[in-house]
PDB file of N, CA and C in Angstrom:
ATOM      1  N   MET A   1       5.347  10.027  -1.664  1.00  0.00           N
ATOM      2  CA  MET A   1       6.520   9.992  -2.517  1.00  0.00           C
ATOM      3  C   MET A   1       6.176   9.176  -3.764  1.00  0.00           C
ATOM      4  N   ILE A   2       6.757   9.591  -4.884  1.00  0.00           N
ATOM      5  CA  ILE A   2       6.463   8.977  -6.175  1.00  0.00           C
ATOM      6  C   ILE A   2       7.732   8.364  -6.748  1.00  0.00           C
ATOM      7  N   GLN A   3       7.595   7.199  -7.345  1.00  0.00           N
ATOM      8  CA  GLN A   3       8.714   6.565  -8.039  1.00  0.00           C
ATOM      9  C   GLN A   3       8.323   6.368  -9.503  1.00  0.00           C
ATOM     10  N   VAL A   4       9.246   6.694 -10.399  1.00  0.00           N
ATOM     11  CA  VAL A   4       9.038   6.447 -11.818  1.00  0.00           C
ATOM     12  C   VAL A   4       9.819   5.191 -12.185  1.00  0.00           C
ATOM     13  N   VAL A   5       9.129   4.234 -12.816  1.00  0.00           N
ATOM     14  CA  VAL A   5       9.747   2.985 -13.248  1.00  0.00           C
ATOM     15  C   VAL A   5       9.678   2.938 -14.772  1.00  0.00           C
ATOM     16  N   ASN A   6      10.822   2.804 -15.403  1.00  0.00           N
ATOM     17  CA  ASN A   6      10.877   2.765 -16.856  1.00  0.00           C
ATOM     18  C   ASN A   6      10.391   1.411 -17.370  1.00  0.00           C
ATOM     19  N   CYS A   7       9.251   1.441 -18.037  1.00  0.00           N
ATOM     20  CA  CYS A   7       8.691   0.237 -18.666  1.00  0.00           C
ATOM     21  C   CYS A   7       8.580   0.463 -20.169  1.00  0.00           C
ATOM     22  N   SER A   8       9.488   1.284 -20.695  1.00  0.00           N
ATOM     23  CA  SER A   8       9.480   1.587 -22.128  1.00  0.00           C
ATOM     24  C   SER A   8      10.679   0.925 -22.794  1.00  0.00           C
ATOM     25  N   ASN A   9      10.791   1.128 -24.096  1.00  0.00           N
ATOM     26  CA  ASN A   9      11.923   0.568 -24.820  1.00  0.00           C
ATOM     27  C   ASN A   9      13.062   1.580 -24.979  1.00  0.00           C
ATOM     28  N   GLN A  10      13.007   2.688 -24.233  1.00  0.00           N
ATOM     29  CA  GLN A  10      14.063   3.697 -24.251  1.00  0.00           C
ATOM     30  C   GLN A  10      14.821   3.677 -22.932  1.00  0.00           C
ATOM     31  N   GLU A  11      16.097   4.036 -22.972  1.00  0.00           N
ATOM     32  CA  GLU A  11      16.906   4.067 -21.754  1.00  0.00           C
ATOM     33  C   GLU A  11      16.982   5.485 -21.198  1.00  0.00           C
ATOM     34  N   GLY A  12      17.066   5.597 -19.873  1.00  0.00           N
ATOM     35  CA  GLY A  12      17.282   6.882 -19.226  1.00  0.00           C
ATOM     36  C   GLY A  12      16.062   7.766 -19.070  1.00  0.00           C
ATOM     37  N   VAL A  13      14.919   7.325 -19.501  1.00  0.00           N
ATOM     38  CA  VAL A  13      13.745   8.188 -19.494  1.00  0.00           C
ATOM     39  C   VAL A  13      13.072   8.294 -18.124  1.00  0.00           C
ATOM     40  N   ALA A  14      13.240   7.313 -17.271  1.00  0.00           N
ATOM     41  CA  ALA A  14      12.642   7.385 -15.932  1.00  0.00           C
ATOM     42  C   ALA A  14      13.291   8.499 -15.120  1.00  0.00           C
ATOM     43  N   GLY A  15      14.592   8.633 -15.239  1.00  0.00           N
ATOM     44  CA  GLY A  15      15.293   9.718 -14.544  1.00  0.00           C
ATOM     45  C   GLY A  15      14.868  11.085 -15.053  1.00  0.00           C
ATOM     46  N   PHE A  16      14.648  11.182 -16.368  1.00  0.00           N
ATOM     47  CA  PHE A  16      14.197  12.433 -16.980  1.00  0.00           C
ATOM     48  C   PHE A  16      12.829  12.834 -16.432  1.00  0.00           C
ATOM     49  N   LEU A  17      11.888  11.891 -16.399  1.00  0.00           N
ATOM     50  CA  LEU A  17      10.553  12.194 -15.882  1.00  0.00           C
ATOM     51  C   LEU A  17      10.609  12.480 -14.381  1.00  0.00           C
ATOM     52  N   THR A  18      11.441  11.767 -13.663  1.00  0.00           N
ATOM     53  CA  THR A  18      11.607  12.016 -12.228  1.00  0.00           C
ATOM     54  C   THR A  18      12.028  13.460 -11.990  1.00  0.00           C
ATOM     55  N   SER A  19      12.995  13.946 -12.754  1.00  0.00           N
ATOM     56  CA  SER A  19      13.469  15.329 -12.613  1.00  0.00           C
ATOM     57  C   SER A  19      12.366  16.331 -12.928  1.00  0.00           C
ATOM     58  N   MET A  20      11.604  16.071 -13.990  1.00  0.00           N
ATOM     59  CA  MET A  20      10.533  16.999 -14.361  1.00  0.00           C
ATOM     60  C   MET A  20       9.445  17.069 -13.296  1.00  0.00           C
ATOM     61  N   LEU A  21       9.073  15.917 -12.741  1.00  0.00           N
ATOM     62  CA  LEU A  21       8.046  15.921 -11.700  1.00  0.00           C
ATOM     63  C   LEU A  21       8.560  16.576 -10.422  1.00  0.00           C
ATOM     64  N   ALA A  22       9.840  16.397 -10.120  1.00  0.00           N
ATOM     65  CA  ALA A  22      10.440  17.056  -8.953  1.00  0.00           C
ATOM     66  C   ALA A  22      10.391  18.577  -9.127  1.00  0.00           C
ATOM     67  N   GLU A  23      10.631  19.059 -10.342  1.00  0.00           N
ATOM     68  CA  GLU A  23      10.555  20.495 -10.624  1.00  0.00           C
ATOM     69  C   GLU A  23       9.146  21.040 -10.424  1.00  0.00           C
ATOM     70  N   GLU A  24       8.146  20.178 -10.540  1.00  0.00           N
ATOM     71  CA  GLU A  24       6.754  20.577 -10.319  1.00  0.00           C
ATOM     72  C   GLU A  24       6.371  20.510  -8.839  1.00  0.00           C
ATOM     73  N   GLY A  25       7.311  20.092  -7.989  1.00  0.00           N
ATOM     74  CA  GLY A  25       7.067  20.085  -6.553  1.00  0.00           C
ATOM     75  C   GLY A  25       6.750  18.736  -5.943  1.00  0.00           C
ATOM     76  N   PHE A  26       6.755  17.683  -6.736  1.00  0.00           N
ATOM     77  CA  PHE A  26       6.499  16.348  -6.200  1.00  0.00           C
ATOM     78  C   PHE A  26       7.744  15.822  -5.485  1.00  0.00           C
ATOM     79  N   THR A  27       7.542  15.055  -4.435  1.00  0.00           N
ATOM     80  CA  THR A  27       8.633  14.385  -3.743  1.00  0.00           C
ATOM     81  C   THR A  27       8.869  13.060  -4.450  1.00  0.00           C
ATOM     82  N   MET A  28      10.081  12.869  -4.912  1.00  0.00           N
ATOM     83  CA  MET A  28      10.385  11.739  -5.780  1.00  0.00           C
ATOM     84  C   MET A  28      11.362  10.760  -5.136  1.00  0.00           C
ATOM     85  N   ALA A  29      11.152   9.486  -5.411  1.00  0.00           N
ATOM     86  CA  ALA A  29      12.107   8.424  -5.053  1.00  0.00           C
ATOM     87  C   ALA A  29      13.038   8.241  -6.252  1.00  0.00           C
ATOM     88  N   GLU A  30      14.086   7.477  -6.072  1.00  0.00           N
ATOM     89  CA  GLU A  30      15.012   7.195  -7.162  1.00  0.00           C
ATOM     90  C   GLU A  30      14.305   6.399  -8.257  1.00  0.00           C
ATOM     91  N   ALA A  31      14.567   6.769  -9.500  1.00  0.00           N
ATOM     92  CA  ALA A  31      13.970   6.072 -10.642  1.00  0.00           C
ATOM     93  C   ALA A  31      14.465   4.631 -10.694  1.00  0.00           C
ATOM     94  N   ASP A  32      13.663   3.774 -11.307  1.00  0.00           N
ATOM     95  CA  ASP A  32      13.992   2.354 -11.403  1.00  0.00           C
ATOM     96  C   ASP A  32      13.694   1.886 -12.832  1.00  0.00           C
ATOM     97  N   THR A  33      14.100   0.681 -13.145  1.00  0.00           N
ATOM     98  CA  THR A  33      13.833   0.083 -14.450  1.00  0.00           C
ATOM     99  C   THR A  33      12.899  -1.097 -14.256  1.00  0.00           C
ATOM    100  N   GLY A  34      11.834  -1.147 -15.041  1.00  0.00           N
ATOM    101  CA  GLY A  34      10.851  -2.212 -14.926  1.00  0.00           C
ATOM    102  C   GLY A  34      11.304  -3.492 -15.599  1.00  0.00           C
ATOM    103  N   THR A  35      10.559  -4.532 -15.342  1.00  0.00           N
ATOM    104  CA  THR A  35      10.865  -5.849 -15.893  1.00  0.00           C
ATOM    105  C   THR A  35      10.031  -6.169 -17.126  1.00  0.00           C
ATOM    106  N   ILE A  36       9.130  -5.247 -17.495  1.00  0.00           N
ATOM    107  CA  ILE A  36       8.281  -5.451 -18.667  1.00  0.00           C
ATOM    108  C   ILE A  36       8.273  -4.175 -19.496  1.00  0.00           C
ATOM    109  N   ASP A  37       7.841  -4.281 -20.744  1.00  0.00           N
ATOM    110  CA  ASP A  37       7.619  -3.123 -21.601  1.00  0.00           C
ATOM    111  C   ASP A  37       6.117  -2.880 -21.677  1.00  0.00           C
ATOM    112  N   LEU A  38       5.740  -1.616 -21.521  1.00  0.00           N
ATOM    113  CA  LEU A  38       4.330  -1.237 -21.622  1.00  0.00           C
ATOM    114  C   LEU A  38       4.151  -0.230 -22.750  1.00  0.00           C
ATOM    115  N   PRO A  39       3.142  -0.402 -23.568  1.00  0.00           N
ATOM    116  CA  PRO A  39       2.894   0.586 -24.620  1.00  0.00           C
ATOM    117  C   PRO A  39       2.303   1.884 -24.063  1.00  0.00           C
ATOM    118  N   VAL A  40       1.587   1.795 -22.931  1.00  0.00           N
ATOM    119  CA  VAL A  40       0.883   2.941 -22.359  1.00  0.00           C
ATOM    120  C   VAL A  40       1.265   3.102 -20.886  1.00  0.00           C
ATOM    121  N   THR A  41       1.519   4.334 -20.491  1.00  0.00           N
ATOM    122  CA  THR A  41       1.881   4.669 -19.115  1.00  0.00           C
ATOM    123  C   THR A  41       0.712   4.451 -18.163  1.00  0.00           C
ATOM    124  N   LYS A  42       1.026   3.929 -16.981  1.00  0.00           N
ATOM    125  CA  LYS A  42       0.032   3.741 -15.922  1.00  0.00           C
ATOM    126  C   LYS A  42       0.569   4.347 -14.628  1.00  0.00           C
ATOM    127  N   VAL A  43      -0.336   4.831 -13.800  1.00  0.00           N
ATOM    128  CA  VAL A  43       0.017   5.326 -12.472  1.00  0.00           C
ATOM    129  C   VAL A  43      -0.616   4.369 -11.474  1.00  0.00           C
ATOM    130  N   ILE A  44       0.227   3.709 -10.700  1.00  0.00           N
ATOM    131  CA  ILE A  44      -0.222   2.718  -9.714  1.00  0.00           C
ATOM    132  C   ILE A  44      -0.113   3.343  -8.324  1.00  0.00           C
ATOM    133  N   TYR A  45      -1.129   3.143  -7.503  1.00  0.00           N
ATOM    134  CA  TYR A  45      -1.054   3.680  -6.140  1.00  0.00           C
ATOM    135  C   TYR A  45      -1.265   2.572  -5.122  1.00  0.00           C
ATOM    136  N   ASN A  46      -0.699   2.782  -3.945  1.00  0.00           N
ATOM    137  CA  ASN A  46      -0.813   1.838  -2.846  1.00  0.00           C
ATOM    138  C   ASN A  46      -2.195   2.009  -2.226  1.00  0.00           C
ATOM    139  N   ALA A  47      -3.063   1.052  -2.430  1.00  0.00           N
ATOM    140  CA  ALA A  47      -4.445   1.135  -1.949  1.00  0.00           C
ATOM    141  C   ALA A  47      -4.535   1.153  -0.426  1.00  0.00           C
ATOM    142  N   ASP A  48      -3.466   0.756   0.254  1.00  0.00           N
ATOM    143  CA  ASP A  48      -3.452   0.775   1.721  1.00  0.00           C
ATOM    144  C   ASP A  48      -3.125   2.157   2.286  1.00  0.00           C
ATOM    145  N   ASP A  49      -2.725   3.097   1.433  1.00  0.00           N
ATOM    146  CA  ASP A  49      -2.386   4.454   1.851  1.00  0.00           C
ATOM    147  C   ASP A  49      -3.554   5.368   1.485  1.00  0.00           C
ATOM    148  N   PRO A  50      -4.246   5.936   2.476  1.00  0.00           N
ATOM    149  CA  PRO A  50      -5.434   6.737   2.186  1.00  0.00           C
ATOM    150  C   PRO A  50      -5.167   7.984   1.329  1.00  0.00           C
ATOM    151  N   ALA A  51      -3.959   8.520   1.343  1.00  0.00           N
ATOM    152  CA  ALA A  51      -3.647   9.725   0.575  1.00  0.00           C
ATOM    153  C   ALA A  51      -3.127   9.408  -0.827  1.00  0.00           C
ATOM    154  N   ALA A  52      -2.817   8.169  -1.100  1.00  0.00           N
ATOM    155  CA  ALA A  52      -2.128   7.808  -2.342  1.00  0.00           C
ATOM    156  C   ALA A  52      -2.972   8.043  -3.589  1.00  0.00           C
ATOM    157  N   PHE A  53      -4.267   7.788  -3.533  1.00  0.00           N
ATOM    158  CA  PHE A  53      -5.099   7.962  -4.722  1.00  0.00           C
ATOM    159  C   PHE A  53      -5.086   9.406  -5.198  1.00  0.00           C
ATOM    160  N   ALA A  54      -5.210  10.360  -4.282  1.00  0.00           N
ATOM    161  CA  ALA A  54      -5.218  11.776  -4.663  1.00  0.00           C
ATOM    162  C   ALA A  54      -3.897  12.167  -5.320  1.00  0.00           C
ATOM    163  N   VAL A  55      -2.791  11.682  -4.789  1.00  0.00           N
ATOM    164  CA  VAL A  55      -1.481  11.965  -5.378  1.00  0.00           C
ATOM    165  C   VAL A  55      -1.390  11.328  -6.758  1.00  0.00           C
ATOM    166  N   ALA A  56      -1.817  10.082  -6.865  1.00  0.00           N
ATOM    167  CA  ALA A  56      -1.771   9.375  -8.150  1.00  0.00           C
ATOM    168  C   ALA A  56      -2.604  10.102  -9.195  1.00  0.00           C
ATOM    169  N   ARG A  57      -3.764  10.561  -8.816  1.00  0.00           N
ATOM    170  CA  ARG A  57      -4.647  11.269  -9.753  1.00  0.00           C
ATOM    171  C   ARG A  57      -4.004  12.574 -10.218  1.00  0.00           C
ATOM    172  N   THR A  58      -3.378  13.291  -9.301  1.00  0.00           N
ATOM    173  CA  THR A  58      -2.709  14.546  -9.652  1.00  0.00           C
ATOM    174  C   THR A  58      -1.554  14.292 -10.619  1.00  0.00           C
ATOM    175  N   VAL A  59      -0.742  13.277 -10.340  1.00  0.00           N
ATOM    176  CA  VAL A  59       0.363  12.923 -11.234  1.00  0.00           C
ATOM    177  C   VAL A  59      -0.193  12.526 -12.599  1.00  0.00           C
ATOM    178  N   ALA A  60      -1.260  11.759 -12.610  1.00  0.00           N
ATOM    179  CA  ALA A  60      -1.860  11.320 -13.869  1.00  0.00           C
ATOM    180  C   ALA A  60      -2.308  12.505 -14.719  1.00  0.00           C
ATOM    181  N   LEU A  61      -2.785  13.551 -14.092  1.00  0.00           N
ATOM    182  CA  LEU A  61      -3.188  14.744 -14.839  1.00  0.00           C
ATOM    183  C   LEU A  61      -1.984  15.399 -15.508  1.00  0.00           C
ATOM    184  N   TYR A  62      -0.855  15.438 -14.823  1.00  0.00           N
ATOM    185  CA  TYR A  62       0.387  15.959 -15.416  1.00  0.00           C
ATOM    186  C   TYR A  62       0.824  15.095 -16.595  1.00  0.00           C
ATOM    187  N   LEU A  63       0.433  13.838 -16.574  1.00  0.00           N
ATOM    188  CA  LEU A  63       0.843  12.890 -17.614  1.00  0.00           C
ATOM    189  C   LEU A  63      -0.259  12.673 -18.652  1.00  0.00           C
ATOM    190  N   GLY A  64      -0.996  13.704 -18.917  1.00  0.00           N
ATOM    191  CA  GLY A  64      -2.004  13.630 -19.971  1.00  0.00           C
ATOM    192  C   GLY A  64      -3.176  12.749 -19.621  1.00  0.00           C
ATOM    193  N   ASN A  65      -3.540  12.733 -18.346  1.00  0.00           N
ATOM    194  CA  ASN A  65      -4.663  11.927 -17.857  1.00  0.00           C
ATOM    195  C   ASN A  65      -4.378  10.428 -17.996  1.00  0.00           C
ATOM    196  N   ALA A  66      -3.180  10.038 -17.576  1.00  0.00           N
ATOM    197  CA  ALA A  66      -2.779   8.623 -17.617  1.00  0.00           C
ATOM    198  C   ALA A  66      -3.723   7.769 -16.770  1.00  0.00           C
ATOM    199  N   LEU A  67      -3.794   6.505 -17.111  1.00  0.00           N
ATOM    200  CA  LEU A  67      -4.612   5.537 -16.390  1.00  0.00           C
ATOM    201  C   LEU A  67      -4.116   5.390 -14.952  1.00  0.00           C
ATOM    202  N   VAL A  68      -5.033   5.398 -13.992  1.00  0.00           N
ATOM    203  CA  VAL A  68      -4.706   5.231 -12.575  1.00  0.00           C
ATOM    204  C   VAL A  68      -5.315   3.922 -12.093  1.00  0.00           C
ATOM    205  N   GLU A  69      -4.497   3.099 -11.440  1.00  0.00           N
ATOM    206  CA  GLU A  69      -4.965   1.802 -10.929  1.00  0.00           C
ATOM    207  C   GLU A  69      -4.412   1.559  -9.530  1.00  0.00           C
ATOM    208  N   PRO A  70      -5.190   0.854  -8.674  1.00  0.00           N
ATOM    209  CA  PRO A  70      -4.623   0.433  -7.390  1.00  0.00           C
ATOM    210  C   PRO A  70      -3.595  -0.670  -7.631  1.00  0.00           C
ATOM    211  N   ASN A  71      -2.673  -0.801  -6.697  1.00  0.00           N
ATOM    212  CA  ASN A  71      -1.654  -1.844  -6.848  1.00  0.00           C
ATOM    213  C   ASN A  71      -2.277  -3.225  -6.830  1.00  0.00           C
ATOM    214  N   GLY A  72      -1.678  -4.108  -7.603  1.00  0.00           N
ATOM    215  CA  GLY A  72      -2.076  -5.505  -7.609  1.00  0.00           C
ATOM    216  C   GLY A  72      -1.138  -6.286  -6.711  1.00  0.00           C
ATOM    217  N   PRO A  73      -1.124  -7.597  -6.844  1.00  0.00           N
ATOM    218  CA  PRO A  73      -0.270  -8.415  -5.992  1.00  0.00           C
ATOM    219  C   PRO A  73       1.223  -8.260  -6.301  1.00  0.00           C
ATOM    220  N   VAL A  74       1.566  -7.748  -7.500  1.00  0.00           N
ATOM    221  CA  VAL A  74       2.969  -7.601  -7.870  1.00  0.00           C
ATOM    222  C   VAL A  74       3.220  -6.168  -8.323  1.00  0.00           C
ATOM    223  N   VAL A  75       4.264  -5.561  -7.782  1.00  0.00           N
ATOM    224  CA  VAL A  75       4.680  -4.244  -8.239  1.00  0.00           C
ATOM    225  C   VAL A  75       5.747  -4.464  -9.294  1.00  0.00           C
ATOM    226  N   LEU A  76       5.548  -3.900 -10.478  1.00  0.00           N
ATOM    227  CA  LEU A  76       6.395  -4.201 -11.621  1.00  0.00           C
ATOM    228  C   LEU A  76       7.674  -3.376 -11.640  1.00  0.00           C
ATOM    229  N   SER A  77       8.590  -3.670 -10.748  1.00  0.00           N
ATOM    230  CA  SER A  77       9.897  -3.034 -10.769  1.00  0.00           C
ATOM    231  C   SER A  77      10.937  -4.118 -10.566  1.00  0.00           C
ATOM    232  N   LEU A  78      12.192  -3.754 -10.718  1.00  0.00           N
ATOM    233  CA  LEU A  78      13.247  -4.745 -10.529  1.00  0.00           C
ATOM    234  C   LEU A  78      13.272  -5.274  -9.111  1.00  0.00           C
ATOM    235  N   THR A  79      13.002  -4.411  -8.155  1.00  0.00           N
ATOM    236  CA  THR A  79      13.061  -4.832  -6.762  1.00  0.00           C
ATOM    237  C   THR A  79      11.811  -5.578  -6.328  1.00  0.00           C
ATOM    238  N   GLY A  80      10.697  -5.337  -7.020  1.00  0.00           N
ATOM    239  CA  GLY A  80       9.451  -5.997  -6.650  1.00  0.00           C
ATOM    240  C   GLY A  80       8.803  -5.409  -5.422  1.00  0.00           C
ATOM    241  N   THR A  81       9.312  -4.280  -4.932  1.00  0.00           N
ATOM    242  CA  THR A  81       8.750  -3.640  -3.741  1.00  0.00           C
ATOM    243  C   THR A  81       8.581  -2.153  -3.994  1.00  0.00           C
ATOM    244  N   TRP A  82       7.799  -1.516  -3.164  1.00  0.00           N
ATOM    245  CA  TRP A  82       7.657  -0.064  -3.222  1.00  0.00           C
ATOM    246  C   TRP A  82       8.969   0.555  -2.758  1.00  0.00           C
ATOM    247  N   ALA A  83       9.361   1.648  -3.386  1.00  0.00           N
ATOM    248  CA  ALA A  83      10.525   2.392  -2.894  1.00  0.00           C
ATOM    249  C   ALA A  83      10.194   2.877  -1.493  1.00  0.00           C
ATOM    250  N   SER A  84      11.171   2.920  -0.630  1.00  0.00           N
ATOM    251  CA  SER A  84      10.959   3.344   0.749  1.00  0.00           C
ATOM    252  C   SER A  84      10.252   4.698   0.788  1.00  0.00           C
ATOM    253  N   GLY A  85       9.101   4.737   1.425  1.00  0.00           N
ATOM    254  CA  GLY A  85       8.347   5.978   1.567  1.00  0.00           C
ATOM    255  C   GLY A  85       7.428   6.315   0.411  1.00  0.00           C
ATOM    256  N   SER A  86       7.452   5.532  -0.659  1.00  0.00           N
ATOM    257  CA  SER A  86       6.604   5.863  -1.812  1.00  0.00           C
ATOM    258  C   SER A  86       5.258   5.157  -1.714  1.00  0.00           C
ATOM    259  N   SER A  87       4.254   5.803  -2.306  1.00  0.00           N
ATOM    260  CA  SER A  87       2.925   5.202  -2.347  1.00  0.00           C
ATOM    261  C   SER A  87       2.330   5.286  -3.747  1.00  0.00           C
ATOM    262  N   VAL A  88       3.114   5.855  -4.684  1.00  0.00           N
ATOM    263  CA  VAL A  88       2.667   5.986  -6.065  1.00  0.00           C
ATOM    264  C   VAL A  88       3.832   5.607  -6.971  1.00  0.00           C
ATOM    265  N   ILE A  89       3.543   4.797  -7.986  1.00  0.00           N
ATOM    266  CA  ILE A  89       4.552   4.420  -8.974  1.00  0.00           C
ATOM    267  C   ILE A  89       4.013   4.757 -10.362  1.00  0.00           C
ATOM    268  N   VAL A  90       4.829   5.477 -11.118  1.00  0.00           N
ATOM    269  CA  VAL A  90       4.507   5.738 -12.520  1.00  0.00           C
ATOM    270  C   VAL A  90       5.213   4.665 -13.337  1.00  0.00           C
ATOM    271  N   LEU A  91       4.444   3.819 -13.999  1.00  0.00           N
ATOM    272  CA  LEU A  91       5.006   2.821 -14.900  1.00  0.00           C
ATOM    273  C   LEU A  91       5.080   3.494 -16.267  1.00  0.00           C
ATOM    274  N   LEU A  92       6.243   4.034 -16.599  1.00  0.00           N
ATOM    275  CA  LEU A  92       6.433   4.857 -17.792  1.00  0.00           C
ATOM    276  C   LEU A  92       6.495   3.990 -19.035  1.00  0.00           C
ATOM    277  N   GLY A  93       5.474   4.111 -19.858  1.00  0.00           N
ATOM    278  CA  GLY A  93       5.383   3.314 -21.080  1.00  0.00           C
ATOM    279  C   GLY A  93       5.930   4.037 -22.295  1.00  0.00           C
ATOM    280  N   ASP A  94       5.876   3.358 -23.425  1.00  0.00           N
ATOM    281  CA  ASP A  94       6.392   3.906 -24.680  1.00  0.00           C
ATOM    282  C   ASP A  94       5.694   5.205 -25.098  1.00  0.00           C
ATOM    283  N   ASP A  95       4.422   5.372 -24.726  1.00  0.00           N
ATOM    284  CA  ASP A  95       3.664   6.549 -25.163  1.00  0.00           C
ATOM    285  C   ASP A  95       4.230   7.865 -24.645  1.00  0.00           C
ATOM    286  N   LEU A  96       4.793   7.874 -23.435  1.00  0.00           N
ATOM    287  CA  LEU A  96       5.286   9.114 -22.840  1.00  0.00           C
ATOM    288  C   LEU A  96       6.795   9.143 -22.635  1.00  0.00           C
ATOM    289  N   ALA A  97       7.469   8.063 -22.933  1.00  0.00           N
ATOM    290  CA  ALA A  97       8.912   7.965 -22.692  1.00  0.00           C
ATOM    291  C   ALA A  97       9.676   9.060 -23.429  1.00  0.00           C
ATOM    292  N   GLY A  98      10.490   9.794 -22.689  1.00  0.00           N
ATOM    293  CA  GLY A  98      11.348  10.814 -23.273  1.00  0.00           C
ATOM    294  C   GLY A  98      10.661  12.130 -23.581  1.00  0.00           C
ATOM    295  N   LYS A  99       9.399  12.272 -23.239  1.00  0.00           N
ATOM    296  CA  LYS A  99       8.667  13.504 -23.521  1.00  0.00           C
ATOM    297  C   LYS A  99       8.693  14.429 -22.315  1.00  0.00           C
ATOM    298  N   ALA A 100       8.811  15.723 -22.590  1.00  0.00           N
ATOM    299  CA  ALA A 100       8.725  16.737 -21.541  1.00  0.00           C
ATOM    300  C   ALA A 100       7.260  16.907 -21.143  1.00  0.00           C
ATOM    301  N   LEU A 101       7.025  17.433 -19.943  1.00  0.00           N
ATOM    302  CA  LEU A 101       5.647  17.615 -19.482  1.00  0.00           C
ATOM    303  C   LEU A 101       4.861  18.538 -20.410  1.00  0.00           C
ATOM    304  N   ALA A 102       5.517  19.550 -20.970  1.00  0.00           N
ATOM    305  CA  ALA A 102       4.835  20.445 -21.900  1.00  0.00           C
ATOM    306  C   ALA A 102       4.378  19.690 -23.154  1.00  0.00           C
ATOM    307  N   GLN A 103       5.185  18.765 -23.630  1.00  0.00           N
ATOM    308  CA  GLN A 103       4.801  17.952 -24.789  1.00  0.00           C
ATOM    309  C   GLN A 103       3.626  17.053 -24.434  1.00  0.00           C
ATOM    310  N   ILE A 104       3.688  16.472 -23.263  1.00  0.00           N
ATOM    311  CA  ILE A 104       2.623  15.581 -22.814  1.00  0.00           C
ATOM    312  C   ILE A 104       1.305  16.344 -22.699  1.00  0.00           C
ATOM    313  N   ALA A 105       1.383  17.561 -22.222  1.00  0.00           N
ATOM    314  CA  ALA A 105       0.182  18.380 -22.051  1.00  0.00           C
ATOM    315  C   ALA A 105      -0.347  18.909 -23.379  1.00  0.00           C
ATOM    316  N   GLY A 106       0.408  18.685 -24.464  1.00  0.00           N
ATOM    317  CA  GLY A 106      -0.046  19.131 -25.772  1.00  0.00           C
ATOM    318  C   GLY A 106       0.334  20.555 -26.095  1.00  0.00           C
ATOM    319  N   GLN A 107       1.185  21.129 -25.257  1.00  0.00           N
ATOM    320  CA  GLN A 107       1.637  22.491 -25.532  1.00  0.00           C
ATOM    321  C   GLN A 107       2.723  22.448 -26.583  1.00  0.00           C
ATOM    322  N   THR A 108       2.753  23.439 -27.406  1.00  0.00           N
ATOM    323  CA  THR A 108       3.798  23.521 -28.413  1.00  0.00           C
ATOM    324  C   THR A 108       4.707  24.698 -28.093  1.00  0.00           C
ATOM    325  N   THR A 109       5.950  24.529 -28.388  1.00  0.00           N
ATOM    326  CA  THR A 109       6.909  25.599 -28.191  1.00  0.00           C
ATOM    327  C   THR A 109       6.953  26.422 -29.466  1.00  0.00           C
ATOM    328  N   THR A 110       6.851  27.724 -29.309  1.00  0.00           N
ATOM    329  CA  THR A 110       6.922  28.590 -30.478  1.00  0.00           C
ATOM    330  C   THR A 110       8.212  29.379 -30.438  1.00  0.00           C
ATOM    331  N   GLU A 111       8.735  29.645 -31.610  1.00  0.00           N
ATOM    332  CA  GLU A 111       9.944  30.442 -31.708  1.00  0.00           C
ATOM    333  C   GLU A 111       9.559  31.859 -32.077  1.00  0.00           C
ATOM    334  N   VAL A 112      10.264  32.805 -31.483  1.00  0.00           N
ATOM    335  CA  VAL A 112      10.026  34.202 -31.772  1.00  0.00           C
ATOM    336  C   VAL A 112      11.279  34.756 -32.423  1.00  0.00           C
ATOM    337  N   THR A 113      11.101  35.430 -33.545  1.00  0.00           N
ATOM    338  CA  THR A 113      12.228  36.072 -34.224  1.00  0.00           C
ATOM    339  C   THR A 113      12.152  37.561 -33.960  1.00  0.00           C
ATOM    340  N   VAL A 114      13.253  38.108 -33.464  1.00  0.00           N
ATOM    341  CA  VAL A 114      13.326  39.528 -33.184  1.00  0.00           C
ATOM    342  C   VAL A 114      14.231  40.157 -34.223  1.00  0.00           C
ATOM    343  N   THR A 115      13.720  41.199 -34.882  1.00  0.00           N
ATOM    344  CA  THR A 115      14.499  41.915 -35.874  1.00  0.00           C
ATOM    345  C   THR A 115      14.794  43.305 -35.349  1.00  0.00           C
ATOM    346  N   THR A 116      16.058  43.709 -35.418  1.00  0.00           N
ATOM    347  CA  THR A 116      16.442  45.022 -34.975  1.00  0.00           C
ATOM    348  C   THR A 116      16.701  45.891 -36.203  1.00  0.00           C
ATOM    349  N   VAL A 117      16.068  47.021 -36.228  1.00  0.00           N
ATOM    350  CA  VAL A 117      16.241  47.956 -37.335  1.00  0.00           C
ATOM    351  C   VAL A 117      16.983  49.169 -36.808  1.00  0.00           C
ATOM    352  N   LEU A 118      18.113  49.481 -37.429  1.00  0.00           N
ATOM    353  CA  LEU A 118      18.877  50.662 -37.029  1.00  0.00           C
ATOM    354  C   LEU A 118      18.501  51.824 -37.915  1.00  0.00           C
ATOM    355  N   ILE A 119      18.140  52.915 -37.304  1.00  0.00           N
ATOM    356  CA  ILE A 119      17.763  54.124 -38.069  1.00  0.00           C
ATOM    357  C   ILE A 119      18.819  55.172 -37.807  1.00  0.00           C
ATOM    358  N   ASP A 120      19.371  55.723 -38.897  1.00  0.00           N
ATOM    359  CA  ASP A 120      20.400  56.764 -38.763  1.00  0.00           C
ATOM    360  C   ASP A 120      19.760  58.120 -38.604  1.00  0.00           C
TER     361      ASP A 120
END
């Protein structure tokens, strides 16, 4: 399970990213708000969980190859603990806050104009 923690200077963005990752098939915990601001997003995994690194790496690829690190002595969320059942935390920084996965991946949305011609 993955938890997104907002460590950016924007509000509501952790929930947005949580929804997008859920649409991609990831099992998500409730979003949280961090206690620090980060300029760059990091993916932290629980080093005690043998499957967590692979999940963290996969999530990082969705996030434009975000930095992946094992957990340190402190988990940077308001609760200070892992969400129940989670082994990966996305610390959402200013670089990716509020961006859709397509934007993060560098894809651009193109508009198509359709013209209808009536012939008598």
